[in-house]
Amino acid sequence: MAPPQFKSYLEGSSYFLPGGGELYRPLREKVVKQMTDMGFDPATMLEHGVIWADDQDPFGHMANAQFSHYTSAANFRLFESFEAQLGEKYEDLFKARGIGVITKAIAADIKRPVTYPDCLVVGNRIVEVKEDRYHAKSAMFSMRQQALVFESEGWVVFFDYSKGKPCNLVQTGGVYGQLYEALVAKSKISNERWDSWQKANPKKPRSAAKL
């Protein structure tokens, strides 16, 4: 039987076509718009088409490890955005030479199962910035389900690998001070969008579960 919304499995996996496939275009646009309105950075989003042979577990769902795998890939795209401030120093961060990054803590929550065929979008938003670290939230949306399927959050520390300790961006100054200011600005925009989204889309109170 063909997957819901599509006439065949070939249509269902048409996200693999060059350009992402016309059938997925409206699904993609709707998800990206919602995520952008929620404060996720569109410039660092990542799209992944679920692969039948690689992503599924024996139960026919996307394996738990894959959620974190693709979220980590999206986090790396966020790191790549730091090149705008760091310039040539980005190579040090990229190769953990001198001042780089390290994940201190992370929490994850699978909201819904994902099955083949489907195409996912992962985004990040920075919610808090300190002089030596920032707190970010990541979200993964399913195009087929038009819903949030996974989210995670955690602290990322700027770490001086040559000294073996966290690095204070403000005290270090130069391009690192510029990066700190850029992250603060991103966090402000993200939180404003998130607040606006919550006001426009208040959560409905849950009714008590009946046993």
N, C-alpha and C. Protein backbone atom coordinates (compact mmCIF):
# COMPACT_ATOMS: atom_id res chain seq x y z
N MET A 1 0.84 -1.19 0.00
CA MET A 1 0.00 0.00 0.00
C MET A 1 0.89 1.26 0.00
N ALA A 2 0.53 2.23 -0.80
CA ALA A 2 1.29 3.48 -0.87
C ALA A 2 1.18 4.23 0.45
N PRO A 3 2.21 5.00 0.81
CA PRO A 3 2.15 5.78 2.05
C PRO A 3 1.07 6.85 1.94
N PRO A 4 0.49 7.27 3.07
CA PRO A 4 -0.53 8.33 3.04
C PRO A 4 -0.03 9.57 2.31
N GLN A 5 -0.93 10.24 1.61
CA GLN A 5 -0.66 11.49 0.87
C GLN A 5 -0.09 11.24 -0.52
N PHE A 6 0.31 10.01 -0.82
CA PHE A 6 0.96 9.74 -2.11
C PHE A 6 0.31 8.54 -2.80
N LYS A 7 0.42 8.51 -4.12
CA LYS A 7 -0.17 7.44 -4.91
C LYS A 7 0.70 6.19 -4.95
N SER A 8 1.99 6.35 -4.68
CA SER A 8 2.91 5.22 -4.74
C SER A 8 4.11 5.48 -3.83
N TYR A 9 4.88 4.43 -3.60
CA TYR A 9 6.11 4.62 -2.82
C TYR A 9 7.12 5.47 -3.58
N LEU A 10 7.10 5.40 -4.89
CA LEU A 10 8.02 6.22 -5.68
C LEU A 10 7.71 7.70 -5.48
N GLU A 11 6.42 8.04 -5.45
CA GLU A 11 6.05 9.42 -5.14
C GLU A 11 6.44 9.77 -3.72
N GLY A 12 6.24 8.82 -2.80
CA GLY A 12 6.55 9.06 -1.40
C GLY A 12 8.02 9.36 -1.14
N SER A 13 8.89 8.79 -1.96
CA SER A 13 10.33 9.03 -1.79
C SER A 13 10.87 10.04 -2.80
N SER A 14 9.98 10.82 -3.39
CA SER A 14 10.41 11.77 -4.42
C SER A 14 11.24 12.92 -3.86
N TYR A 15 11.40 12.98 -2.53
CA TYR A 15 12.30 13.98 -1.95
C TYR A 15 13.75 13.72 -2.36
N PHE A 16 14.03 12.51 -2.86
CA PHE A 16 15.38 12.20 -3.32
C PHE A 16 15.69 12.80 -4.69
N LEU A 17 14.68 13.27 -5.40
CA LEU A 17 14.91 13.86 -6.71
C LEU A 17 15.76 15.12 -6.60
N PRO A 18 16.56 15.44 -7.60
CA PRO A 18 17.30 16.71 -7.58
C PRO A 18 16.32 17.87 -7.38
N GLY A 19 16.63 18.73 -6.44
CA GLY A 19 15.75 19.85 -6.13
C GLY A 19 14.71 19.53 -5.09
N GLY A 20 14.66 18.28 -4.64
CA GLY A 20 13.75 17.92 -3.56
C GLY A 20 12.38 17.43 -3.97
N GLY A 21 12.04 17.49 -5.27
CA GLY A 21 10.75 16.98 -5.73
C GLY A 21 9.62 17.97 -5.55
N GLU A 22 8.80 18.10 -6.59
CA GLU A 22 7.69 19.06 -6.55
C GLU A 22 6.63 18.69 -5.52
N LEU A 23 6.42 17.39 -5.29
CA LEU A 23 5.39 16.98 -4.34
C LEU A 23 5.73 17.38 -2.90
N TYR A 24 7.02 17.48 -2.63
CA TYR A 24 7.44 17.85 -1.28
C TYR A 24 7.64 19.35 -1.10
N ARG A 25 7.59 20.09 -2.20
CA ARG A 25 7.84 21.53 -2.10
C ARG A 25 6.89 22.23 -1.12
N PRO A 26 5.56 22.05 -1.24
CA PRO A 26 4.67 22.74 -0.29
C PRO A 26 4.83 22.23 1.14
N LEU A 27 5.15 20.94 1.31
CA LEU A 27 5.36 20.39 2.65
C LEU A 27 6.61 21.01 3.27
N ARG A 28 7.65 21.13 2.45
CA ARG A 28 8.92 21.71 2.90
C ARG A 28 8.73 23.17 3.29
N GLU A 29 8.07 23.94 2.43
CA GLU A 29 7.89 25.36 2.68
C GLU A 29 7.11 25.62 3.95
N LYS A 30 6.09 24.79 4.20
CA LYS A 30 5.28 24.97 5.40
C LYS A 30 6.08 24.69 6.66
N VAL A 31 6.88 23.61 6.64
CA VAL A 31 7.70 23.26 7.80
C VAL A 31 8.75 24.33 8.07
N VAL A 32 9.45 24.75 7.03
CA VAL A 32 10.51 25.75 7.20
C VAL A 32 9.94 27.06 7.73
N LYS A 33 8.78 27.46 7.22
CA LYS A 33 8.15 28.70 7.70
C LYS A 33 7.80 28.59 9.18
N GLN A 34 7.21 27.46 9.55
CA GLN A 34 6.83 27.30 10.96
C GLN A 34 8.06 27.33 11.85
N MET A 35 9.11 26.63 11.46
CA MET A 35 10.32 26.59 12.27
C MET A 35 10.96 27.97 12.37
N THR A 36 10.96 28.71 11.27
CA THR A 36 11.51 30.06 11.28
C THR A 36 10.70 30.96 12.20
N ASP A 37 9.37 30.85 12.14
CA ASP A 37 8.50 31.63 13.01
C ASP A 37 8.73 31.29 14.48
N MET A 38 9.17 30.05 14.76
CA MET A 38 9.41 29.60 16.12
C MET A 38 10.80 30.02 16.62
N GLY A 39 11.59 30.65 15.75
CA GLY A 39 12.89 31.15 16.17
C GLY A 39 14.08 30.32 15.75
N PHE A 40 13.84 29.26 14.98
CA PHE A 40 14.95 28.44 14.50
C PHE A 40 15.61 29.12 13.30
N ASP A 41 16.92 29.06 13.27
CA ASP A 41 17.71 29.79 12.28
C ASP A 41 17.63 29.11 10.90
N PRO A 42 16.98 29.72 9.92
CA PRO A 42 16.84 29.07 8.60
C PRO A 42 18.17 28.90 7.88
N ALA A 43 19.16 29.76 8.19
CA ALA A 43 20.45 29.69 7.49
C ALA A 43 21.25 28.45 7.86
N THR A 44 20.94 27.83 9.00
CA THR A 44 21.72 26.67 9.43
C THR A 44 20.87 25.40 9.51
N MET A 45 19.67 25.42 8.94
CA MET A 45 18.83 24.22 8.94
C MET A 45 19.45 23.12 8.10
N LEU A 46 19.05 21.89 8.40
CA LEU A 46 19.51 20.72 7.66
C LEU A 46 18.31 19.90 7.24
N GLU A 47 18.35 19.40 6.01
CA GLU A 47 17.29 18.53 5.50
C GLU A 47 17.85 17.13 5.27
N HIS A 48 17.09 16.13 5.69
CA HIS A 48 17.51 14.74 5.47
C HIS A 48 16.34 13.88 5.01
N GLY A 49 16.51 13.24 3.87
CA GLY A 49 15.53 12.29 3.39
C GLY A 49 15.79 10.93 4.02
N VAL A 50 14.79 10.38 4.69
CA VAL A 50 14.94 9.09 5.36
C VAL A 50 15.29 8.01 4.34
N ILE A 51 16.32 7.22 4.65
CA ILE A 51 16.80 6.15 3.77
C ILE A 51 16.34 4.81 4.34
N TRP A 52 15.65 4.05 3.54
CA TRP A 52 15.04 2.79 4.01
C TRP A 52 16.08 1.85 4.61
N ALA A 53 17.23 1.67 3.93
CA ALA A 53 18.22 0.69 4.36
C ALA A 53 19.10 1.18 5.50
N ASP A 54 19.25 2.49 5.65
CA ASP A 54 20.22 3.03 6.61
C ASP A 54 19.60 3.52 7.91
N ASP A 55 18.40 4.07 7.85
CA ASP A 55 17.85 4.78 8.99
C ASP A 55 16.89 3.98 9.87
N GLN A 56 16.35 2.89 9.34
CA GLN A 56 15.31 2.18 10.08
C GLN A 56 15.86 1.10 11.01
N ASP A 57 15.12 0.85 12.08
CA ASP A 57 15.44 -0.27 12.96
C ASP A 57 14.60 -1.49 12.54
N PRO A 58 14.74 -2.63 13.20
CA PRO A 58 13.98 -3.83 12.80
C PRO A 58 12.47 -3.69 12.91
N PHE A 59 12.01 -2.66 13.62
CA PHE A 59 10.57 -2.46 13.79
C PHE A 59 9.97 -1.54 12.73
N GLY A 60 10.81 -1.11 11.77
CA GLY A 60 10.31 -0.26 10.69
C GLY A 60 10.22 1.20 11.03
N HIS A 61 10.86 1.61 12.13
CA HIS A 61 10.90 3.02 12.52
C HIS A 61 12.32 3.53 12.37
N MET A 62 12.48 4.85 12.29
CA MET A 62 13.82 5.39 12.29
C MET A 62 14.46 5.09 13.64
N ALA A 63 15.67 4.55 13.62
CA ALA A 63 16.35 4.15 14.85
C ALA A 63 16.61 5.35 15.75
N ASN A 64 16.57 5.11 17.05
CA ASN A 64 16.76 6.21 18.02
C ASN A 64 18.05 6.98 17.78
N ALA A 65 19.14 6.26 17.48
CA ALA A 65 20.43 6.92 17.30
C ALA A 65 20.43 7.89 16.13
N GLN A 66 19.58 7.65 15.14
CA GLN A 66 19.56 8.51 13.96
C GLN A 66 19.02 9.89 14.27
N PHE A 67 18.12 9.99 15.23
CA PHE A 67 17.60 11.30 15.61
C PHE A 67 18.75 12.19 16.07
N SER A 68 19.58 11.65 16.97
CA SER A 68 20.71 12.43 17.47
C SER A 68 21.77 12.63 16.40
N HIS A 69 21.92 11.64 15.52
CA HIS A 69 22.93 11.73 14.46
C HIS A 69 22.67 12.94 13.56
N TYR A 70 21.45 13.10 13.10
CA TYR A 70 21.14 14.19 12.18
C TYR A 70 21.03 15.53 12.91
N THR A 71 20.66 15.48 14.19
CA THR A 71 20.67 16.71 14.98
C THR A 71 22.10 17.21 15.16
N SER A 72 23.03 16.29 15.38
CA SER A 72 24.44 16.67 15.51
C SER A 72 24.96 17.28 14.22
N ALA A 73 24.51 16.75 13.09
CA ALA A 73 24.93 17.31 11.80
C ALA A 73 24.42 18.74 11.65
N ALA A 74 23.20 18.99 12.13
CA ALA A 74 22.66 20.35 12.07
C ALA A 74 23.41 21.27 13.03
N ASN A 75 23.82 20.73 14.18
CA ASN A 75 24.61 21.52 15.13
C ASN A 75 25.94 21.94 14.50
N PHE A 76 26.50 21.04 13.70
CA PHE A 76 27.76 21.37 13.05
C PHE A 76 27.57 22.50 12.05
N ARG A 77 26.42 22.55 11.40
CA ARG A 77 26.14 23.66 10.50
C ARG A 77 26.07 24.98 11.28
N LEU A 78 25.57 24.91 12.52
CA LEU A 78 25.57 26.11 13.36
C LEU A 78 27.00 26.54 13.65
N PHE A 79 27.87 25.57 13.96
CA PHE A 79 29.29 25.90 14.18
C PHE A 79 29.89 26.57 12.94
N GLU A 80 29.52 26.07 11.76
CA GLU A 80 30.06 26.64 10.53
C GLU A 80 29.67 28.10 10.35
N SER A 81 28.54 28.48 10.94
CA SER A 81 28.12 29.89 10.82
C SER A 81 29.05 30.82 11.60
N PHE A 82 29.85 30.26 12.52
CA PHE A 82 30.77 31.09 13.30
C PHE A 82 31.90 31.64 12.44
N GLU A 83 32.10 31.06 11.27
CA GLU A 83 33.16 31.53 10.38
C GLU A 83 32.97 32.99 10.00
N ALA A 84 31.73 33.46 9.99
CA ALA A 84 31.45 34.85 9.63
C ALA A 84 32.15 35.82 10.57
N GLN A 85 32.31 35.44 11.84
CA GLN A 85 33.02 36.29 12.79
C GLN A 85 34.49 35.86 12.96
N LEU A 86 34.76 34.57 12.94
CA LEU A 86 36.10 34.08 13.24
C LEU A 86 37.06 34.18 12.06
N GLY A 87 36.53 34.17 10.84
CA GLY A 87 37.41 34.23 9.68
C GLY A 87 38.39 33.07 9.66
N GLU A 88 39.67 33.34 9.53
CA GLU A 88 40.69 32.29 9.46
C GLU A 88 40.78 31.48 10.76
N LYS A 89 40.36 32.07 11.87
CA LYS A 89 40.40 31.36 13.14
C LYS A 89 39.39 30.23 13.20
N TYR A 90 38.46 30.21 12.24
CA TYR A 90 37.48 29.12 12.23
C TYR A 90 38.17 27.76 12.07
N GLU A 91 39.30 27.72 11.36
CA GLU A 91 40.02 26.47 11.18
C GLU A 91 40.45 25.90 12.53
N ASP A 92 40.79 26.76 13.49
CA ASP A 92 41.17 26.29 14.83
C ASP A 92 39.98 25.62 15.50
N LEU A 93 38.79 26.24 15.38
CA LEU A 93 37.59 25.66 15.97
C LEU A 93 37.25 24.34 15.28
N PHE A 94 37.33 24.33 13.97
CA PHE A 94 36.97 23.16 13.16
C PHE A 94 37.86 21.96 13.50
N LYS A 95 39.12 22.21 13.78
CA LYS A 95 40.08 21.12 14.02
C LYS A 95 40.43 20.95 15.50
N ALA A 96 39.65 21.61 16.39
CA ALA A 96 39.91 21.53 17.83
C ALA A 96 41.36 21.87 18.14
N ARG A 97 41.83 22.92 17.52
CA ARG A 97 43.21 23.40 17.68
C ARG A 97 43.13 24.81 18.23
N GLY A 98 43.54 24.99 19.48
CA GLY A 98 43.35 26.29 20.11
C GLY A 98 41.95 26.37 20.67
N ILE A 99 41.19 27.41 20.31
CA ILE A 99 39.84 27.60 20.84
C ILE A 99 38.82 26.89 19.95
N GLY A 100 38.12 25.93 20.54
CA GLY A 100 37.10 25.18 19.82
C GLY A 100 35.82 25.08 20.64
N VAL A 101 35.04 24.05 20.38
CA VAL A 101 33.78 23.86 21.10
C VAL A 101 33.71 22.43 21.63
N ILE A 102 32.93 22.26 22.68
CA ILE A 102 32.71 20.94 23.25
C ILE A 102 31.33 20.93 23.90
N THR A 103 30.59 19.84 23.72
CA THR A 103 29.25 19.73 24.30
C THR A 103 29.37 19.32 25.77
N LYS A 104 28.75 20.11 26.65
CA LYS A 104 28.82 19.83 28.08
C LYS A 104 27.69 18.91 28.53
N ALA A 105 26.48 19.18 28.06
CA ALA A 105 25.33 18.39 28.49
C ALA A 105 24.26 18.44 27.41
N ILE A 106 23.48 17.37 27.32
CA ILE A 106 22.42 17.34 26.31
C ILE A 106 21.25 16.49 26.82
N ALA A 107 20.04 16.93 26.51
CA ALA A 107 18.82 16.18 26.84
C ALA A 107 18.02 16.03 25.56
N ALA A 108 17.43 14.86 25.36
CA ALA A 108 16.72 14.58 24.11
C ALA A 108 15.35 13.98 24.38
N ASP A 109 14.42 14.22 23.46
CA ASP A 109 13.06 13.74 23.62
C ASP A 109 12.47 13.39 22.24
N ILE A 110 12.20 12.10 22.02
CA ILE A 110 11.55 11.67 20.78
C ILE A 110 10.05 11.85 20.94
N LYS A 111 9.47 12.69 20.10
CA LYS A 111 8.05 13.04 20.22
C LYS A 111 7.14 12.08 19.45
N ARG A 112 7.62 11.66 18.26
CA ARG A 112 6.81 10.80 17.40
C ARG A 112 7.74 9.85 16.65
N PRO A 113 7.25 8.66 16.31
CA PRO A 113 8.05 7.78 15.47
C PRO A 113 8.10 8.30 14.04
N VAL A 114 9.19 8.02 13.36
CA VAL A 114 9.35 8.40 11.96
C VAL A 114 9.50 7.12 11.13
N THR A 115 8.77 7.03 10.04
CA THR A 115 8.85 5.86 9.17
C THR A 115 9.16 6.28 7.74
N TYR A 116 9.75 5.35 7.00
CA TYR A 116 10.04 5.57 5.58
C TYR A 116 8.75 5.43 4.78
N PRO A 117 8.55 6.26 3.76
CA PRO A 117 9.37 7.39 3.33
C PRO A 117 8.99 8.67 4.08
N ASP A 118 9.97 9.51 4.31
CA ASP A 118 9.74 10.81 4.95
C ASP A 118 10.98 11.67 4.76
N CYS A 119 10.78 12.95 4.86
CA CYS A 119 11.89 13.89 4.76
C CYS A 119 11.84 14.80 5.98
N LEU A 120 13.00 15.01 6.59
CA LEU A 120 13.07 15.71 7.86
C LEU A 120 13.82 17.03 7.74
N VAL A 121 13.46 17.99 8.57
CA VAL A 121 14.18 19.26 8.65
C VAL A 121 14.59 19.46 10.10
N VAL A 122 15.87 19.77 10.32
CA VAL A 122 16.39 19.99 11.67
C VAL A 122 16.87 21.44 11.77
N GLY A 123 16.52 22.09 12.86
CA GLY A 123 16.94 23.48 13.07
C GLY A 123 17.42 23.71 14.48
N ASN A 124 18.18 24.79 14.66
CA ASN A 124 18.71 25.17 15.96
C ASN A 124 18.31 26.60 16.31
N ARG A 125 18.16 26.84 17.59
CA ARG A 125 17.98 28.20 18.05
C ARG A 125 18.75 28.40 19.35
N ILE A 126 19.45 29.49 19.45
CA ILE A 126 20.24 29.80 20.64
C ILE A 126 19.36 30.57 21.61
N VAL A 127 19.22 30.04 22.83
CA VAL A 127 18.29 30.63 23.78
C VAL A 127 18.97 31.40 24.91
N GLU A 128 20.24 31.09 25.18
CA GLU A 128 20.96 31.80 26.25
C GLU A 128 22.45 31.80 25.92
N VAL A 129 23.10 32.91 26.19
CA VAL A 129 24.53 33.04 25.90
C VAL A 129 25.27 33.55 27.13
N LYS A 130 26.32 32.85 27.50
CA LYS A 130 27.23 33.32 28.54
C LYS A 130 28.59 33.57 27.90
N GLU A 131 29.51 34.14 28.65
CA GLU A 131 30.78 34.54 28.06
C GLU A 131 31.63 33.36 27.60
N ASP A 132 31.37 32.16 28.13
CA ASP A 132 32.17 31.00 27.72
C ASP A 132 31.34 29.84 27.19
N ARG A 133 30.04 30.05 27.00
CA ARG A 133 29.17 28.96 26.53
C ARG A 133 27.82 29.50 26.09
N TYR A 134 27.06 28.64 25.42
CA TYR A 134 25.69 29.00 25.04
C TYR A 134 24.79 27.78 25.17
N HIS A 135 23.51 28.06 25.36
CA HIS A 135 22.50 27.02 25.48
C HIS A 135 21.64 27.06 24.22
N ALA A 136 21.51 25.91 23.57
CA ALA A 136 20.76 25.85 22.32
C ALA A 136 19.70 24.76 22.36
N LYS A 137 18.65 24.97 21.60
CA LYS A 137 17.61 23.97 21.44
C LYS A 137 17.55 23.57 19.97
N SER A 138 17.36 22.29 19.74
CA SER A 138 17.25 21.76 18.38
C SER A 138 15.89 21.10 18.21
N ALA A 139 15.36 21.17 17.01
CA ALA A 139 14.07 20.55 16.72
C ALA A 139 14.12 19.87 15.36
N MET A 140 13.46 18.72 15.27
CA MET A 140 13.36 17.98 14.01
C MET A 140 11.89 17.86 13.64
N PHE A 141 11.55 18.30 12.44
CA PHE A 141 10.18 18.23 11.95
C PHE A 141 10.08 17.24 10.80
N SER A 142 8.97 16.54 10.74
CA SER A 142 8.67 15.62 9.64
C SER A 142 7.82 16.34 8.61
N MET A 143 8.22 16.23 7.33
CA MET A 143 7.42 16.85 6.27
C MET A 143 6.10 16.10 6.07
N ARG A 144 6.16 14.78 6.11
CA ARG A 144 4.94 14.01 5.91
C ARG A 144 3.94 14.24 7.02
N GLN A 145 4.44 14.25 8.26
CA GLN A 145 3.54 14.42 9.39
C GLN A 145 3.22 15.89 9.68
N GLN A 146 4.06 16.79 9.12
CA GLN A 146 3.91 18.22 9.41
C GLN A 146 3.86 18.44 10.92
N ALA A 147 4.84 17.83 11.59
CA ALA A 147 4.84 17.89 13.05
C ALA A 147 6.25 17.73 13.60
N LEU A 148 6.40 18.18 14.84
CA LEU A 148 7.65 18.01 15.58
C LEU A 148 7.80 16.54 15.96
N VAL A 149 8.94 15.93 15.64
CA VAL A 149 9.14 14.53 15.96
C VAL A 149 10.28 14.31 16.96
N PHE A 150 11.13 15.31 17.13
CA PHE A 150 12.27 15.15 18.04
C PHE A 150 12.76 16.53 18.46
N GLU A 151 13.18 16.65 19.71
CA GLU A 151 13.81 17.88 20.15
C GLU A 151 14.89 17.57 21.18
N SER A 152 15.87 18.41 21.23
CA SER A 152 16.95 18.26 22.20
C SER A 152 17.45 19.64 22.60
N GLU A 153 18.17 19.68 23.71
CA GLU A 153 18.75 20.93 24.16
C GLU A 153 20.00 20.64 24.98
N GLY A 154 20.89 21.62 25.05
CA GLY A 154 22.09 21.41 25.81
C GLY A 154 23.02 22.62 25.77
N TRP A 155 24.07 22.53 26.57
CA TRP A 155 25.08 23.58 26.63
C TRP A 155 26.28 23.22 25.79
N VAL A 156 26.77 24.19 25.04
CA VAL A 156 28.00 24.05 24.26
C VAL A 156 29.02 25.03 24.83
N VAL A 157 30.20 24.51 25.20
CA VAL A 157 31.23 25.32 25.84
C VAL A 157 32.33 25.65 24.84
N PHE A 158 32.79 26.89 24.88
CA PHE A 158 33.98 27.27 24.11
C PHE A 158 35.19 26.85 24.93
N PHE A 159 36.02 26.03 24.34
CA PHE A 159 37.10 25.37 25.09
C PHE A 159 38.44 25.65 24.45
N ASP A 160 39.39 26.07 25.27
CA ASP A 160 40.75 26.30 24.79
C ASP A 160 41.53 24.99 24.93
N TYR A 161 41.68 24.30 23.82
CA TYR A 161 42.32 22.99 23.86
C TYR A 161 43.82 23.08 24.16
N SER A 162 44.41 24.23 23.92
CA SER A 162 45.84 24.38 24.22
C SER A 162 46.09 24.55 25.72
N LYS A 163 45.05 25.03 26.44
CA LYS A 163 45.17 25.25 27.88
C LYS A 163 44.37 24.24 28.69
N GLY A 164 43.49 23.50 28.01
CA GLY A 164 42.69 22.50 28.70
C GLY A 164 41.63 23.06 29.62
N LYS A 165 41.02 24.20 29.25
CA LYS A 165 39.99 24.80 30.08
C LYS A 165 39.06 25.66 29.22
N PRO A 166 37.86 25.98 29.76
CA PRO A 166 36.92 26.82 29.00
C PRO A 166 37.53 28.17 28.67
N CYS A 167 37.03 28.76 27.57
CA CYS A 167 37.55 30.03 27.10
C CYS A 167 36.48 31.12 27.22
N ASN A 168 36.83 32.22 27.88
CA ASN A 168 35.94 33.37 27.99
C ASN A 168 36.11 34.22 26.72
N LEU A 169 35.06 34.22 25.88
CA LEU A 169 35.14 34.92 24.60
C LEU A 169 35.35 36.42 24.77
N VAL A 170 34.70 37.00 25.77
CA VAL A 170 34.78 38.45 25.98
C VAL A 170 36.20 38.83 26.40
N GLN A 171 36.76 38.09 27.33
CA GLN A 171 38.11 38.39 27.80
C GLN A 171 39.15 38.14 26.71
N THR A 172 38.91 37.13 25.88
CA THR A 172 39.84 36.83 24.79
C THR A 172 39.81 37.95 23.75
N GLY A 173 38.64 38.49 23.50
CA GLY A 173 38.51 39.64 22.62
C GLY A 173 38.73 39.33 21.16
N GLY A 174 38.92 40.37 20.36
CA GLY A 174 39.12 40.21 18.93
C GLY A 174 37.94 39.54 18.26
N VAL A 175 38.21 38.60 17.37
CA VAL A 175 37.14 37.92 16.64
C VAL A 175 36.26 37.10 17.58
N TYR A 176 36.83 36.65 18.70
CA TYR A 176 36.04 35.87 19.66
C TYR A 176 35.05 36.76 20.40
N GLY A 177 35.44 37.98 20.67
CA GLY A 177 34.50 38.94 21.23
C GLY A 177 33.38 39.25 20.25
N GLN A 178 33.73 39.32 18.97
CA GLN A 178 32.72 39.56 17.93
C GLN A 178 31.75 38.38 17.84
N LEU A 179 32.28 37.17 18.00
CA LEU A 179 31.42 35.98 17.98
C LEU A 179 30.43 36.02 19.15
N TYR A 180 30.91 36.40 20.31
CA TYR A 180 30.03 36.52 21.48
C TYR A 180 28.89 37.49 21.20
N GLU A 181 29.21 38.65 20.67
CA GLU A 181 28.18 39.65 20.36
C GLU A 181 27.19 39.13 19.33
N ALA A 182 27.67 38.39 18.34
CA ALA A 182 26.80 37.83 17.30
C ALA A 182 25.85 36.79 17.90
N LEU A 183 26.35 35.98 18.82
CA LEU A 183 25.52 34.96 19.45
C LEU A 183 24.45 35.60 20.33
N VAL A 184 24.82 36.66 21.03
CA VAL A 184 23.84 37.39 21.85
C VAL A 184 22.73 37.95 20.96
N ALA A 185 23.11 38.51 19.82
CA ALA A 185 22.12 39.06 18.89
C ALA A 185 21.21 37.97 18.34
N LYS A 186 21.79 36.81 17.99
CA LYS A 186 20.99 35.69 17.49
C LYS A 186 20.01 35.21 18.54
N SER A 187 20.49 35.13 19.78
CA SER A 187 19.63 34.68 20.87
C SER A 187 18.46 35.63 21.08
N LYS A 188 18.71 36.92 20.98
CA LYS A 188 17.65 37.92 21.17
C LYS A 188 16.56 37.75 20.10
N ILE A 189 16.98 37.61 18.85
CA ILE A 189 16.02 37.44 17.76
C ILE A 189 15.24 36.14 17.92
N SER A 190 15.95 35.07 18.25
CA SER A 190 15.31 33.77 18.43
C SER A 190 14.27 33.80 19.53
N ASN A 191 14.61 34.38 20.67
CA ASN A 191 13.69 34.40 21.79
C ASN A 191 12.48 35.29 21.52
N GLU A 192 12.68 36.38 20.79
CA GLU A 192 11.55 37.24 20.43
C GLU A 192 10.57 36.50 19.52
N ARG A 193 11.13 35.76 18.54
CA ARG A 193 10.26 34.99 17.64
C ARG A 193 9.54 33.88 18.40
N TRP A 194 10.26 33.22 19.31
CA TRP A 194 9.66 32.15 20.09
C TRP A 194 8.52 32.68 20.96
N ASP A 195 8.72 33.82 21.60
CA ASP A 195 7.67 34.42 22.43
C ASP A 195 6.45 34.78 21.58
N SER A 196 6.69 35.33 20.39
CA SER A 196 5.58 35.69 19.50
C SER A 196 4.83 34.44 19.06
N TRP A 197 5.57 33.38 18.78
CA TRP A 197 4.94 32.13 18.34
C TRP A 197 4.06 31.56 19.46
N GLN A 198 4.56 31.56 20.67
CA GLN A 198 3.79 31.03 21.79
C GLN A 198 2.52 31.82 22.04
N LYS A 199 2.59 33.14 21.89
CA LYS A 199 1.41 33.97 22.09
C LYS A 199 0.36 33.70 21.01
N ALA A 200 0.84 33.49 19.77
CA ALA A 200 -0.07 33.25 18.66
C ALA A 200 -0.58 31.81 18.63
N ASN A 201 0.14 30.90 19.30
CA ASN A 201 -0.23 29.49 19.28
C ASN A 201 -0.18 28.91 20.70
N PRO A 202 -1.08 29.37 21.57
CA PRO A 202 -1.07 28.89 22.96
C PRO A 202 -1.36 27.40 23.03
N LYS A 203 -0.70 26.73 23.96
CA LYS A 203 -0.93 25.30 24.12
C LYS A 203 -2.31 25.05 24.72
N LYS A 204 -2.98 24.05 24.18
CA LYS A 204 -4.29 23.69 24.72
C LYS A 204 -4.09 22.85 25.98
N PRO A 205 -4.84 23.15 27.02
CA PRO A 205 -4.69 22.36 28.27
C PRO A 205 -5.06 20.90 28.03
N ARG A 206 -4.26 20.02 28.58
CA ARG A 206 -4.54 18.59 28.44
C ARG A 206 -5.58 18.14 29.45
N SER A 207 -6.49 17.31 28.97
CA SER A 207 -7.48 16.74 29.89
C SER A 207 -6.85 15.60 30.67
N ALA A 208 -7.33 15.36 31.85
CA ALA A 208 -6.78 14.31 32.69
C ALA A 208 -6.98 12.95 32.03
N ALA A 209 -5.95 12.14 32.10
CA ALA A 209 -6.03 10.81 31.48
C ALA A 209 -6.98 9.93 32.28
N LYS A 210 -7.75 9.13 31.56
CA LYS A 210 -8.68 8.21 32.20
C LYS A 210 -8.12 6.80 32.14
N LEU A 211 -8.03 6.16 33.30
CA LEU A 211 -7.49 4.81 33.37
C LEU A 211 -8.62 3.79 33.24
